[in-house]
Amino acid sequence: MIHIYYSTTKTGKIVERDQPVDGSWIHLDTPTDDELNIIAKQYNLDIDLLHDGVDPNESPRIERDGQAVYLFTRYCLPEQEQLTTSPLLMIYVDSVVISVSRRPFTTLEALENHGLFITSKRTQLILQVLSMINKGYKQRVNQASRRIWQIRSQLQKTQIANQDFISFIDIEEDLNDFLLVLEPMAALLHSMTDGKFMRLYEDDKDLIEDLSLGTEELTQLAQSRLTTLRNIREAYSTITANNLNKVFKLMTSITILMSIFTLVTGVYSMNIALPAAHNPQAFWIILGITSSFIAAAALFFKRHKWF
């Protein structure tokens, strides 16, 4: 579906038009091949690059083809979605801005509802969209941080459920997906600072610098949360192994102690002449001697911390 938005500093109000004019924002939401072909012919765009804009695996980058600048990025999807991010292509061409989104672009709804963008300021419009996308990543990374500490607070050293580790894996996958976008986004923003792709004013340069710093901070934050996540998982894996070793040591010690009693009773169960075999107190004598050996062995194990 093709949407055409228009606003200026004079009007301030965002309106949706049937036909584009200079200073319009043309947004293709989940476009068909026919809609892509129409836009490609109307503005002399590369159809292959337009198809790249709806490729689910496309990474952030920036390209120039003739007078058109193609800026590929990705934005966060809601947390309940199976996928983490979705591609977005923004094109700086002639007197309009064109965007192509594989799925409904929720950030556009937020901009439209708050009337935050002026379509006639093309460079500023693109930077505003990138800024909103960055805010989405920041929210998701902060949500991941809260989930990490929430799960961490629920874990007990002797009670580690498999679901807790599955939750850690889900969070780790999300953070890795964010890094796959944020790291090339930082390079993309850095390449825009020299103004060779689009005209930049002083305010635009300041906004790009803020976006670049914000992206680098988000990258570092995501990497830090990944490190925290791995440390917690490794710590609990070590705790689990240590607890298991303690159980094995205890069971082994008990087996050794019981083998003393088994050895003595095994000898006295043989049908041969044995010391004190006819003594009426033989049972208690053997039990006392055996218990003494077991107690001495247990004391020896305890002193050497074998259990």
C-alpha atoms as a PDB file:
ATOM      1  CA  MET A   1       0.000   0.000   0.000  1.00  0.00           C
ATOM      2  CA  ILE A   2       1.252   3.477  -0.894  1.00  0.00           C
ATOM      3  CA  HIS A   3       0.784   6.358   1.560  1.00  0.00           C
ATOM      4  CA  ILE A   4       1.690   9.957   0.709  1.00  0.00           C
ATOM      5  CA  TYR A   5       2.299  12.382   3.586  1.00  0.00           C
ATOM      6  CA  TYR A   6       2.913  16.092   3.350  1.00  0.00           C
ATOM      7  CA  SER A   7       3.664  18.850   5.833  1.00  0.00           C
ATOM      8  CA  THR A   8       5.653  22.090   5.918  1.00  0.00           C
ATOM      9  CA  THR A   9       6.944  24.442   8.564  1.00  0.00           C
ATOM     10  CA  LYS A  10       4.123  26.857   7.665  1.00  0.00           C
ATOM     11  CA  THR A  11       1.220  24.443   7.856  1.00  0.00           C
ATOM     12  CA  GLY A  12       2.709  22.205  10.540  1.00  0.00           C
ATOM     13  CA  LYS A  13      -0.187  19.806  10.092  1.00  0.00           C
ATOM     14  CA  ILE A  14       0.449  16.441   8.495  1.00  0.00           C
ATOM     15  CA  VAL A  15      -1.974  15.523   5.737  1.00  0.00           C
ATOM     16  CA  GLU A  16      -2.263  12.429   3.581  1.00  0.00           C
ATOM     17  CA  ARG A  17      -2.552  13.169  -0.109  1.00  0.00           C
ATOM     18  CA  ASP A  18      -3.668  11.219  -3.158  1.00  0.00           C
ATOM     19  CA  GLN A  19      -0.817  12.491  -5.359  1.00  0.00           C
ATOM     20  CA  PRO A  20       2.746  13.430  -4.375  1.00  0.00           C
ATOM     21  CA  VAL A  21       4.071  16.989  -4.529  1.00  0.00           C
ATOM     22  CA  ASP A  22       7.514  18.426  -3.852  1.00  0.00           C
ATOM     23  CA  GLY A  23       8.390  17.829  -0.221  1.00  0.00           C
ATOM     24  CA  SER A  24       6.198  14.730   0.180  1.00  0.00           C
ATOM     25  CA  TRP A  25       7.011  11.537   2.033  1.00  0.00           C
ATOM     26  CA  ILE A  26       5.940   8.504   0.018  1.00  0.00           C
ATOM     27  CA  HIS A  27       5.728   5.382   2.176  1.00  0.00           C
ATOM     28  CA  LEU A  28       5.235   1.912   0.714  1.00  0.00           C
ATOM     29  CA  ASP A  29       3.825  -0.371   3.394  1.00  0.00           C
ATOM     30  CA  THR A  30       4.161  -4.111   2.610  1.00  0.00           C
ATOM     31  CA  PRO A  31       4.352  -3.212  -1.107  1.00  0.00           C
ATOM     32  CA  THR A  32       3.452  -5.465  -4.002  1.00  0.00           C
ATOM     33  CA  ASP A  33       5.713  -5.918  -7.017  1.00  0.00           C
ATOM     34  CA  ASP A  34       3.409  -3.672  -9.060  1.00  0.00           C
ATOM     35  CA  GLU A  35       3.698  -0.846  -6.517  1.00  0.00           C
ATOM     36  CA  LEU A  36       7.484  -1.153  -6.501  1.00  0.00           C
ATOM     37  CA  ASN A  37       7.563  -1.018 -10.290  1.00  0.00           C
ATOM     38  CA  ILE A  38       5.333   2.083 -10.333  1.00  0.00           C
ATOM     39  CA  ILE A  39       7.608   3.966  -7.918  1.00  0.00           C
ATOM     40  CA  ALA A  40      10.735   2.783  -9.741  1.00  0.00           C
ATOM     41  CA  LYS A  41       9.480   4.131 -13.070  1.00  0.00           C
ATOM     42  CA  GLN A  42       8.084   7.359 -11.644  1.00  0.00           C
ATOM     43  CA  TYR A  43      11.341   8.352  -9.881  1.00  0.00           C
ATOM     44  CA  ASN A  44      13.876   6.455 -12.019  1.00  0.00           C
ATOM     45  CA  LEU A  45      14.912   4.109  -9.199  1.00  0.00           C
ATOM     46  CA  ASP A  46      16.802   0.827  -9.298  1.00  0.00           C
ATOM     47  CA  ILE A  47      14.168  -1.915  -8.971  1.00  0.00           C
ATOM     48  CA  ASP A  48      16.734  -4.380  -7.585  1.00  0.00           C
ATOM     49  CA  LEU A  49      17.587  -2.017  -4.736  1.00  0.00           C
ATOM     50  CA  LEU A  50      13.884  -1.582  -4.027  1.00  0.00           C
ATOM     51  CA  HIS A  51      13.529  -5.346  -3.760  1.00  0.00           C
ATOM     52  CA  ASP A  52      16.522  -5.363  -1.398  1.00  0.00           C
ATOM     53  CA  GLY A  53      14.510  -3.006   0.812  1.00  0.00           C
ATOM     54  CA  VAL A  54      11.974  -5.764   1.528  1.00  0.00           C
ATOM     55  CA  ASP A  55      14.574  -8.527   1.902  1.00  0.00           C
ATOM     56  CA  PRO A  56      14.116  -9.911   5.451  1.00  0.00           C
ATOM     57  CA  ASN A  57      17.888 -10.472   5.799  1.00  0.00           C
ATOM     58  CA  GLU A  58      19.079  -7.079   4.487  1.00  0.00           C
ATOM     59  CA  SER A  59      21.696  -5.360   6.687  1.00  0.00           C
ATOM     60  CA  PRO A  60      22.048  -1.596   7.280  1.00  0.00           C
ATOM     61  CA  ARG A  61      24.057   0.181   4.581  1.00  0.00           C
ATOM     62  CA  ILE A  62      23.954   3.267   2.371  1.00  0.00           C
ATOM     63  CA  GLU A  63      24.328   3.448  -1.412  1.00  0.00           C
ATOM     64  CA  ARG A  64      24.108   6.077  -4.127  1.00  0.00           C
ATOM     65  CA  ASP A  65      22.708   5.311  -7.571  1.00  0.00           C
ATOM     66  CA  GLY A  66      22.570   8.367  -9.805  1.00  0.00           C
ATOM     67  CA  GLN A  67      20.833  11.156  -7.906  1.00  0.00           C
ATOM     68  CA  ALA A  68      19.113   8.762  -5.482  1.00  0.00           C
ATOM     69  CA  VAL A  69      20.553   7.792  -2.091  1.00  0.00           C
ATOM     70  CA  TYR A  70      19.391   4.448  -0.684  1.00  0.00           C
ATOM     71  CA  LEU A  71      19.601   4.112   3.087  1.00  0.00           C
ATOM     72  CA  PHE A  72      18.944   0.593   4.359  1.00  0.00           C
ATOM     73  CA  THR A  73      18.192   0.146   8.037  1.00  0.00           C
ATOM     74  CA  ARG A  74      16.195  -2.105  10.368  1.00  0.00           C
ATOM     75  CA  TYR A  75      13.760  -1.286  13.160  1.00  0.00           C
ATOM     76  CA  CYS A  76      12.616  -3.204  16.254  1.00  0.00           C
ATOM     77  CA  LEU A  77       9.448  -5.250  16.179  1.00  0.00           C
ATOM     78  CA  PRO A  78       7.210  -5.581  19.267  1.00  0.00           C
ATOM     79  CA  GLU A  79       8.600  -7.915  21.921  1.00  0.00           C
ATOM     80  CA  GLN A  80       5.864 -10.521  21.432  1.00  0.00           C
ATOM     81  CA  GLU A  81       6.833 -10.973  17.771  1.00  0.00           C
ATOM     82  CA  GLN A  82       8.798 -14.078  16.789  1.00  0.00           C
ATOM     83  CA  LEU A  83      11.237 -11.962  14.760  1.00  0.00           C
ATOM     84  CA  THR A  84      13.309  -9.217  16.392  1.00  0.00           C
ATOM     85  CA  THR A  85      13.819  -6.666  13.597  1.00  0.00           C
ATOM     86  CA  SER A  86      12.430  -5.831  10.167  1.00  0.00           C
ATOM     87  CA  PRO A  87      14.039  -4.019   7.194  1.00  0.00           C
ATOM     88  CA  LEU A  88      13.285  -0.427   6.211  1.00  0.00           C
ATOM     89  CA  LEU A  89      14.574   1.354   3.092  1.00  0.00           C
ATOM     90  CA  MET A  90      14.600   5.161   2.922  1.00  0.00           C
ATOM     91  CA  ILE A  91      15.369   6.883  -0.386  1.00  0.00           C
ATOM     92  CA  TYR A  92      16.518  10.493  -0.744  1.00  0.00           C
ATOM     93  CA  VAL A  93      15.610  11.433  -4.313  1.00  0.00           C
ATOM     94  CA  ASP A  94      14.613  14.557  -6.278  1.00  0.00           C
ATOM     95  CA  SER A  95      12.234  16.543  -4.084  1.00  0.00           C
ATOM     96  CA  VAL A  96      10.681  13.694  -2.083  1.00  0.00           C
ATOM     97  CA  VAL A  97      11.571  11.033   0.468  1.00  0.00           C
ATOM     98  CA  ILE A  98      10.494   7.471  -0.268  1.00  0.00           C
ATOM     99  CA  SER A  99      10.417   4.683   2.301  1.00  0.00           C
ATOM    100  CA  VAL A 100       9.769   0.977   1.786  1.00  0.00           C
ATOM    101  CA  SER A 101       8.805  -1.316   4.642  1.00  0.00           C
ATOM    102  CA  ARG A 102       8.329  -5.065   4.461  1.00  0.00           C
ATOM    103  CA  ARG A 103       5.774  -4.953   7.304  1.00  0.00           C
ATOM    104  CA  PRO A 104       3.673  -2.237   8.948  1.00  0.00           C
ATOM    105  CA  PHE A 105       6.070   0.429  10.179  1.00  0.00           C
ATOM    106  CA  THR A 106       4.985   1.144  13.766  1.00  0.00           C
ATOM    107  CA  THR A 107       7.436   4.034  14.136  1.00  0.00           C
ATOM    108  CA  LEU A 108       5.573   5.876  11.377  1.00  0.00           C
ATOM    109  CA  GLU A 109       2.376   5.621  13.394  1.00  0.00           C
ATOM    110  CA  ALA A 110       4.116   7.193  16.402  1.00  0.00           C
ATOM    111  CA  LEU A 111       5.485  10.057  14.269  1.00  0.00           C
ATOM    112  CA  GLU A 112       2.124  10.611  12.622  1.00  0.00           C
ATOM    113  CA  ASN A 113       0.178  10.620  15.885  1.00  0.00           C
ATOM    114  CA  HIS A 114       2.476  13.197  17.460  1.00  0.00           C
ATOM    115  CA  GLY A 115       2.979  15.302  14.320  1.00  0.00           C
ATOM    116  CA  LEU A 116       6.721  15.252  14.844  1.00  0.00           C
ATOM    117  CA  PHE A 117       7.966  15.419  11.273  1.00  0.00           C
ATOM    118  CA  ILE A 118       8.099  18.012   8.506  1.00  0.00           C
ATOM    119  CA  THR A 119       8.197  16.169   5.186  1.00  0.00           C
ATOM    120  CA  SER A 120       9.558  19.154   3.262  1.00  0.00           C
ATOM    121  CA  LYS A 121      12.797  18.941   5.305  1.00  0.00           C
ATOM    122  CA  ARG A 122      13.973  15.728   3.733  1.00  0.00           C
ATOM    123  CA  THR A 123      17.283  15.235   5.517  1.00  0.00           C
ATOM    124  CA  GLN A 124      15.794  16.118   8.879  1.00  0.00           C
ATOM    125  CA  LEU A 125      12.903  13.739   8.221  1.00  0.00           C
ATOM    126  CA  ILE A 126      15.275  10.817   7.579  1.00  0.00           C
ATOM    127  CA  LEU A 127      17.286  11.645  10.690  1.00  0.00           C
ATOM    128  CA  GLN A 128      14.113  11.860  12.776  1.00  0.00           C
ATOM    129  CA  VAL A 129      13.066   8.414  11.604  1.00  0.00           C
ATOM    130  CA  LEU A 130      16.517   7.041  12.462  1.00  0.00           C
ATOM    131  CA  SER A 131      16.272   8.695  15.873  1.00  0.00           C
ATOM    132  CA  MET A 132      12.906   7.052  16.554  1.00  0.00           C
ATOM    133  CA  ILE A 133      14.340   3.705  15.467  1.00  0.00           C
ATOM    134  CA  ASN A 134      17.232   4.191  17.914  1.00  0.00           C
ATOM    135  CA  LYS A 135      14.743   4.883  20.706  1.00  0.00           C
ATOM    136  CA  GLY A 136      13.047   1.599  19.875  1.00  0.00           C
ATOM    137  CA  TYR A 137      16.337  -0.262  20.246  1.00  0.00           C
ATOM    138  CA  LYS A 138      17.062   1.496  23.516  1.00  0.00           C
ATOM    139  CA  GLN A 139      13.697   0.435  24.922  1.00  0.00           C
ATOM    140  CA  ARG A 140      14.241  -3.167  23.851  1.00  0.00           C
ATOM    141  CA  VAL A 141      17.767  -3.306  25.305  1.00  0.00           C
ATOM    142  CA  ASN A 142      16.463  -1.847  28.593  1.00  0.00           C
ATOM    143  CA  GLN A 143      13.664  -4.427  28.598  1.00  0.00           C
ATOM    144  CA  ALA A 144      16.243  -7.169  28.085  1.00  0.00           C
ATOM    145  CA  SER A 145      18.257  -5.762  31.009  1.00  0.00           C
ATOM    146  CA  ARG A 146      15.214  -5.871  33.279  1.00  0.00           C
ATOM    147  CA  ARG A 147      14.450  -9.445  32.224  1.00  0.00           C
ATOM    148  CA  ILE A 148      18.037 -10.487  32.978  1.00  0.00           C
ATOM    149  CA  TRP A 149      17.940  -9.113  36.527  1.00  0.00           C
ATOM    150  CA  GLN A 150      14.403 -10.399  37.087  1.00  0.00           C
ATOM    151  CA  ILE A 151      15.406 -13.952  36.180  1.00  0.00           C
ATOM    152  CA  ARG A 152      18.638 -13.556  38.149  1.00  0.00           C
ATOM    153  CA  SER A 153      16.704 -12.619  41.284  1.00  0.00           C
ATOM    154  CA  GLN A 154      14.468 -15.690  40.944  1.00  0.00           C
ATOM    155  CA  LEU A 155      17.274 -18.185  40.595  1.00  0.00           C
ATOM    156  CA  GLN A 156      18.308 -20.158  43.659  1.00  0.00           C
ATOM    157  CA  LYS A 157      21.613 -21.927  43.971  1.00  0.00           C
ATOM    158  CA  THR A 158      19.895 -25.273  44.542  1.00  0.00           C
ATOM    159  CA  GLN A 159      16.921 -24.708  42.239  1.00  0.00           C
ATOM    160  CA  ILE A 160      17.781 -23.957  38.614  1.00  0.00           C
ATOM    161  CA  ALA A 161      14.942 -24.700  36.203  1.00  0.00           C
ATOM    162  CA  ASN A 162      15.521 -25.448  32.533  1.00  0.00           C
ATOM    163  CA  GLN A 163      13.076 -22.655  31.675  1.00  0.00           C
ATOM    164  CA  ASP A 164      15.439 -20.131  33.264  1.00  0.00           C
ATOM    165  CA  PHE A 165      18.227 -21.146  30.895  1.00  0.00           C
ATOM    166  CA  ILE A 166      15.814 -21.076  27.927  1.00  0.00           C
ATOM    167  CA  SER A 167      14.875 -17.502  28.882  1.00  0.00           C
ATOM    168  CA  PHE A 168      18.555 -16.573  28.948  1.00  0.00           C
ATOM    169  CA  ILE A 169      19.021 -18.047  25.462  1.00  0.00           C
ATOM    170  CA  ASP A 170      16.039 -16.045  24.126  1.00  0.00           C
ATOM    171  CA  ILE A 171      17.435 -12.807  25.549  1.00  0.00           C
ATOM    172  CA  GLU A 172      20.901 -13.589  24.171  1.00  0.00           C
ATOM    173  CA  GLU A 173      19.459 -14.135  20.686  1.00  0.00           C
ATOM    174  CA  ASP A 174      17.624 -10.794  20.853  1.00  0.00           C
ATOM    175  CA  LEU A 175      20.761  -8.931  21.924  1.00  0.00           C
ATOM    176  CA  ASN A 176      22.805 -10.569  19.166  1.00  0.00           C
ATOM    177  CA  ASP A 177      20.169  -9.509  16.622  1.00  0.00           C
ATOM    178  CA  PHE A 178      20.363  -5.939  17.929  1.00  0.00           C
ATOM    179  CA  LEU A 179      24.155  -5.928  17.591  1.00  0.00           C
ATOM    180  CA  LEU A 180      23.888  -7.158  13.997  1.00  0.00           C
ATOM    181  CA  VAL A 181      21.974  -3.938  13.280  1.00  0.00           C
ATOM    182  CA  LEU A 182      23.597  -1.421  15.621  1.00  0.00           C
ATOM    183  CA  GLU A 183      27.197  -2.071  14.584  1.00  0.00           C
ATOM    184  CA  PRO A 184      26.657  -1.439  10.828  1.00  0.00           C
ATOM    185  CA  MET A 185      24.292   1.447  11.713  1.00  0.00           C
ATOM    186  CA  ALA A 186      27.163   3.177  13.502  1.00  0.00           C
ATOM    187  CA  ALA A 187      29.267   2.873  10.335  1.00  0.00           C
ATOM    188  CA  LEU A 188      26.351   4.133   8.217  1.00  0.00           C
ATOM    189  CA  LEU A 189      25.890   7.244  10.361  1.00  0.00           C
ATOM    190  CA  HIS A 190      29.624   7.913  10.325  1.00  0.00           C
ATOM    191  CA  SER A 191      29.625   7.854   6.498  1.00  0.00           C
ATOM    192  CA  MET A 192      26.796  10.408   6.427  1.00  0.00           C
ATOM    193  CA  THR A 193      28.678  13.061   8.417  1.00  0.00           C
ATOM    194  CA  ASP A 194      30.722  14.339   5.443  1.00  0.00           C
ATOM    195  CA  GLY A 195      27.557  15.354   3.563  1.00  0.00           C
ATOM    196  CA  LYS A 196      28.430  13.573   0.318  1.00  0.00           C
ATOM    197  CA  PHE A 197      25.188  11.592   0.316  1.00  0.00           C
ATOM    198  CA  MET A 198      22.741  14.403   1.152  1.00  0.00           C
ATOM    199  CA  ARG A 199      22.800  18.085   2.014  1.00  0.00           C
ATOM    200  CA  LEU A 200      23.433  18.699   5.702  1.00  0.00           C
ATOM    201  CA  TYR A 201      22.858  21.834   7.753  1.00  0.00           C
ATOM    202  CA  GLU A 202      24.471  22.487  11.116  1.00  0.00           C
ATOM    203  CA  ASP A 203      21.448  21.174  12.996  1.00  0.00           C
ATOM    204  CA  ASP A 204      21.524  18.055  10.845  1.00  0.00           C
ATOM    205  CA  LYS A 205      25.193  17.470  11.591  1.00  0.00           C
ATOM    206  CA  ASP A 206      24.541  17.821  15.319  1.00  0.00           C
ATOM    207  CA  LEU A 207      21.676  15.336  15.066  1.00  0.00           C
ATOM    208  CA  ILE A 208      23.845  12.834  13.174  1.00  0.00           C
ATOM    209  CA  GLU A 209      26.564  13.134  15.816  1.00  0.00           C
ATOM    210  CA  ASP A 210      23.994  12.541  18.565  1.00  0.00           C
ATOM    211  CA  LEU A 211      22.627   9.540  16.688  1.00  0.00           C
ATOM    212  CA  SER A 212      26.112   8.151  16.170  1.00  0.00           C
ATOM    213  CA  LEU A 213      26.986   8.505  19.851  1.00  0.00           C
ATOM    214  CA  GLY A 214      23.641   7.020  20.865  1.00  0.00           C
ATOM    215  CA  THR A 215      24.178   4.045  18.556  1.00  0.00           C
ATOM    216  CA  GLU A 216      27.657   3.420  19.928  1.00  0.00           C
ATOM    217  CA  GLU A 217      26.327   3.602  23.495  1.00  0.00           C
ATOM    218  CA  LEU A 218      23.561   1.131  22.638  1.00  0.00           C
ATOM    219  CA  THR A 219      26.130  -1.200  21.078  1.00  0.00           C
ATOM    220  CA  GLN A 220      28.266  -1.077  24.207  1.00  0.00           C
ATOM    221  CA  LEU A 221      25.210  -1.571  26.426  1.00  0.00           C
ATOM    222  CA  ALA A 222      24.060  -4.610  24.431  1.00  0.00           C
ATOM    223  CA  GLN A 223      27.569  -6.093  24.561  1.00  0.00           C
ATOM    224  CA  SER A 224      27.713  -5.453  28.299  1.00  0.00           C
ATOM    225  CA  ARG A 225      24.358  -7.190  28.835  1.00  0.00           C
ATOM    226  CA  LEU A 226      25.548 -10.139  26.756  1.00  0.00           C
ATOM    227  CA  THR A 227      28.649 -10.408  28.939  1.00  0.00           C
ATOM    228  CA  THR A 228      26.517 -10.231  32.099  1.00  0.00           C
ATOM    229  CA  LEU A 229      24.192 -12.882  30.710  1.00  0.00           C
ATOM    230  CA  ARG A 230      27.028 -15.252  29.870  1.00  0.00           C
ATOM    231  CA  ASN A 231      28.688 -14.706  33.251  1.00  0.00           C
ATOM    232  CA  ILE A 232      25.462 -15.519  35.087  1.00  0.00           C
ATOM    233  CA  ARG A 233      24.883 -18.626  32.992  1.00  0.00           C
ATOM    234  CA  GLU A 234      28.478 -19.817  33.447  1.00  0.00           C
ATOM    235  CA  ALA A 235      28.307 -19.134  37.197  1.00  0.00           C
ATOM    236  CA  TYR A 236      25.166 -21.215  37.593  1.00  0.00           C
ATOM    237  CA  SER A 237      26.591 -23.961  35.415  1.00  0.00           C
ATOM    238  CA  THR A 238      29.624 -24.036  37.731  1.00  0.00           C
ATOM    239  CA  ILE A 239      27.379 -24.063  40.800  1.00  0.00           C
ATOM    240  CA  THR A 240      25.362 -26.943  39.365  1.00  0.00           C
ATOM    241  CA  ALA A 241      28.516 -28.951  38.614  1.00  0.00           C
ATOM    242  CA  ASN A 242      29.891 -28.205  42.075  1.00  0.00           C
ATOM    243  CA  ASN A 243      26.668 -29.334  43.779  1.00  0.00           C
ATOM    244  CA  LEU A 244      26.682 -32.497  41.683  1.00  0.00           C
ATOM    245  CA  ASN A 245      30.284 -33.209  42.684  1.00  0.00           C
ATOM    246  CA  LYS A 246      29.339 -32.826  46.355  1.00  0.00           C
ATOM    247  CA  VAL A 247      26.540 -35.344  45.943  1.00  0.00           C
ATOM    248  CA  PHE A 248      28.881 -37.804  44.216  1.00  0.00           C
ATOM    249  CA  LYS A 249      31.491 -37.385  46.955  1.00  0.00           C
ATOM    250  CA  LEU A 250      28.892 -37.968  49.662  1.00  0.00           C
ATOM    251  CA  MET A 251      27.467 -41.054  47.977  1.00  0.00           C
ATOM    252  CA  THR A 252      30.979 -42.448  47.367  1.00  0.00           C
ATOM    253  CA  SER A 253      31.929 -41.898  51.002  1.00  0.00           C
ATOM    254  CA  ILE A 254      28.764 -43.634  52.213  1.00  0.00           C
ATOM    255  CA  THR A 255      29.490 -46.553  49.875  1.00  0.00           C
ATOM    256  CA  ILE A 256      33.042 -46.903  51.291  1.00  0.00           C
ATOM    257  CA  LEU A 257      31.789 -46.762  54.874  1.00  0.00           C
ATOM    258  CA  MET A 258      29.106 -49.359  54.217  1.00  0.00           C
ATOM    259  CA  SER A 259      31.672 -51.629  52.536  1.00  0.00           C
ATOM    260  CA  ILE A 260      33.449 -52.000  55.900  1.00  0.00           C
ATOM    261  CA  PHE A 261      30.307 -53.453  57.450  1.00  0.00           C
ATOM    262  CA  THR A 262      29.736 -55.600  54.348  1.00  0.00           C
ATOM    263  CA  LEU A 263      33.312 -56.976  54.547  1.00  0.00           C
ATOM    264  CA  VAL A 264      33.040 -57.988  58.194  1.00  0.00           C
ATOM    265  CA  THR A 265      29.596 -59.547  57.890  1.00  0.00           C
ATOM    266  CA  GLY A 266      30.737 -61.337  54.742  1.00  0.00           C
ATOM    267  CA  VAL A 267      33.633 -62.972  56.612  1.00  0.00           C
ATOM    268  CA  TYR A 268      31.443 -64.059  59.549  1.00  0.00           C
ATOM    269  CA  SER A 269      28.791 -65.441  57.262  1.00  0.00           C
ATOM    270  CA  MET A 270      31.188 -68.168  56.022  1.00  0.00           C
ATOM    271  CA  ASN A 271      30.588 -71.724  57.284  1.00  0.00           C
ATOM    272  CA  ILE A 272      34.020 -72.136  58.940  1.00  0.00           C
ATOM    273  CA  ALA A 273      35.428 -71.883  62.454  1.00  0.00           C
ATOM    274  CA  LEU A 274      35.768 -68.199  63.413  1.00  0.00           C
ATOM    275  CA  PRO A 275      36.947 -66.378  66.557  1.00  0.00           C
ATOM    276  CA  ALA A 276      34.153 -65.885  69.118  1.00  0.00           C
ATOM    277  CA  ALA A 277      31.852 -67.989  66.960  1.00  0.00           C
ATOM    278  CA  HIS A 278      30.373 -69.682  70.092  1.00  0.00           C
ATOM    279  CA  ASN A 279      30.347 -66.576  72.262  1.00  0.00           C
ATOM    280  CA  PRO A 280      26.743 -65.505  73.032  1.00  0.00           C
ATOM    281  CA  GLN A 281      27.831 -61.850  72.774  1.00  0.00           C
ATOM    282  CA  ALA A 282      29.504 -62.334  69.377  1.00  0.00           C
ATOM    283  CA  PHE A 283      26.897 -60.237  67.516  1.00  0.00           C
ATOM    284  CA  TRP A 284      27.363 -57.207  69.749  1.00  0.00           C
ATOM    285  CA  ILE A 285      31.149 -57.571  69.735  1.00  0.00           C
ATOM    286  CA  ILE A 286      31.260 -57.667  65.917  1.00  0.00           C
ATOM    287  CA  LEU A 287      28.763 -54.779  65.686  1.00  0.00           C
ATOM    288  CA  GLY A 288      30.814 -52.685  68.103  1.00  0.00           C
ATOM    289  CA  ILE A 289      34.105 -53.316  66.318  1.00  0.00           C
ATOM    290  CA  THR A 290      32.546 -52.635  62.920  1.00  0.00           C
ATOM    291  CA  SER A 291      30.906 -49.417  64.152  1.00  0.00           C
ATOM    292  CA  SER A 292      34.272 -48.285  65.537  1.00  0.00           C
ATOM    293  CA  PHE A 293      35.935 -48.827  62.160  1.00  0.00           C
ATOM    294  CA  ILE A 294      33.128 -46.975  60.395  1.00  0.00           C
ATOM    295  CA  ALA A 295      33.280 -44.063  62.852  1.00  0.00           C
ATOM    296  CA  ALA A 296      37.072 -43.828  62.491  1.00  0.00           C
ATOM    297  CA  ALA A 297      36.815 -43.856  58.690  1.00  0.00           C
ATOM    298  CA  ALA A 298      34.045 -41.220  58.784  1.00  0.00           C
ATOM    299  CA  LEU A 299      36.180 -38.996  61.025  1.00  0.00           C
ATOM    300  CA  PHE A 300      39.112 -39.419  58.647  1.00  0.00           C
ATOM    301  CA  PHE A 301      36.952 -38.448  55.645  1.00  0.00           C
ATOM    302  CA  LYS A 302      35.552 -35.454  57.505  1.00  0.00           C
ATOM    303  CA  ARG A 303      38.972 -34.108  58.413  1.00  0.00           C
ATOM    304  CA  HIS A 304      40.129 -34.389  54.818  1.00  0.00           C
ATOM    305  CA  LYS A 305      36.856 -32.819  53.564  1.00  0.00           C
ATOM    306  CA  TRP A 306      35.979 -35.808  51.446  1.00  0.00           C
ATOM    307  CA  PHE A 307      32.332 -35.180  52.249  1.00  0.00           C
END
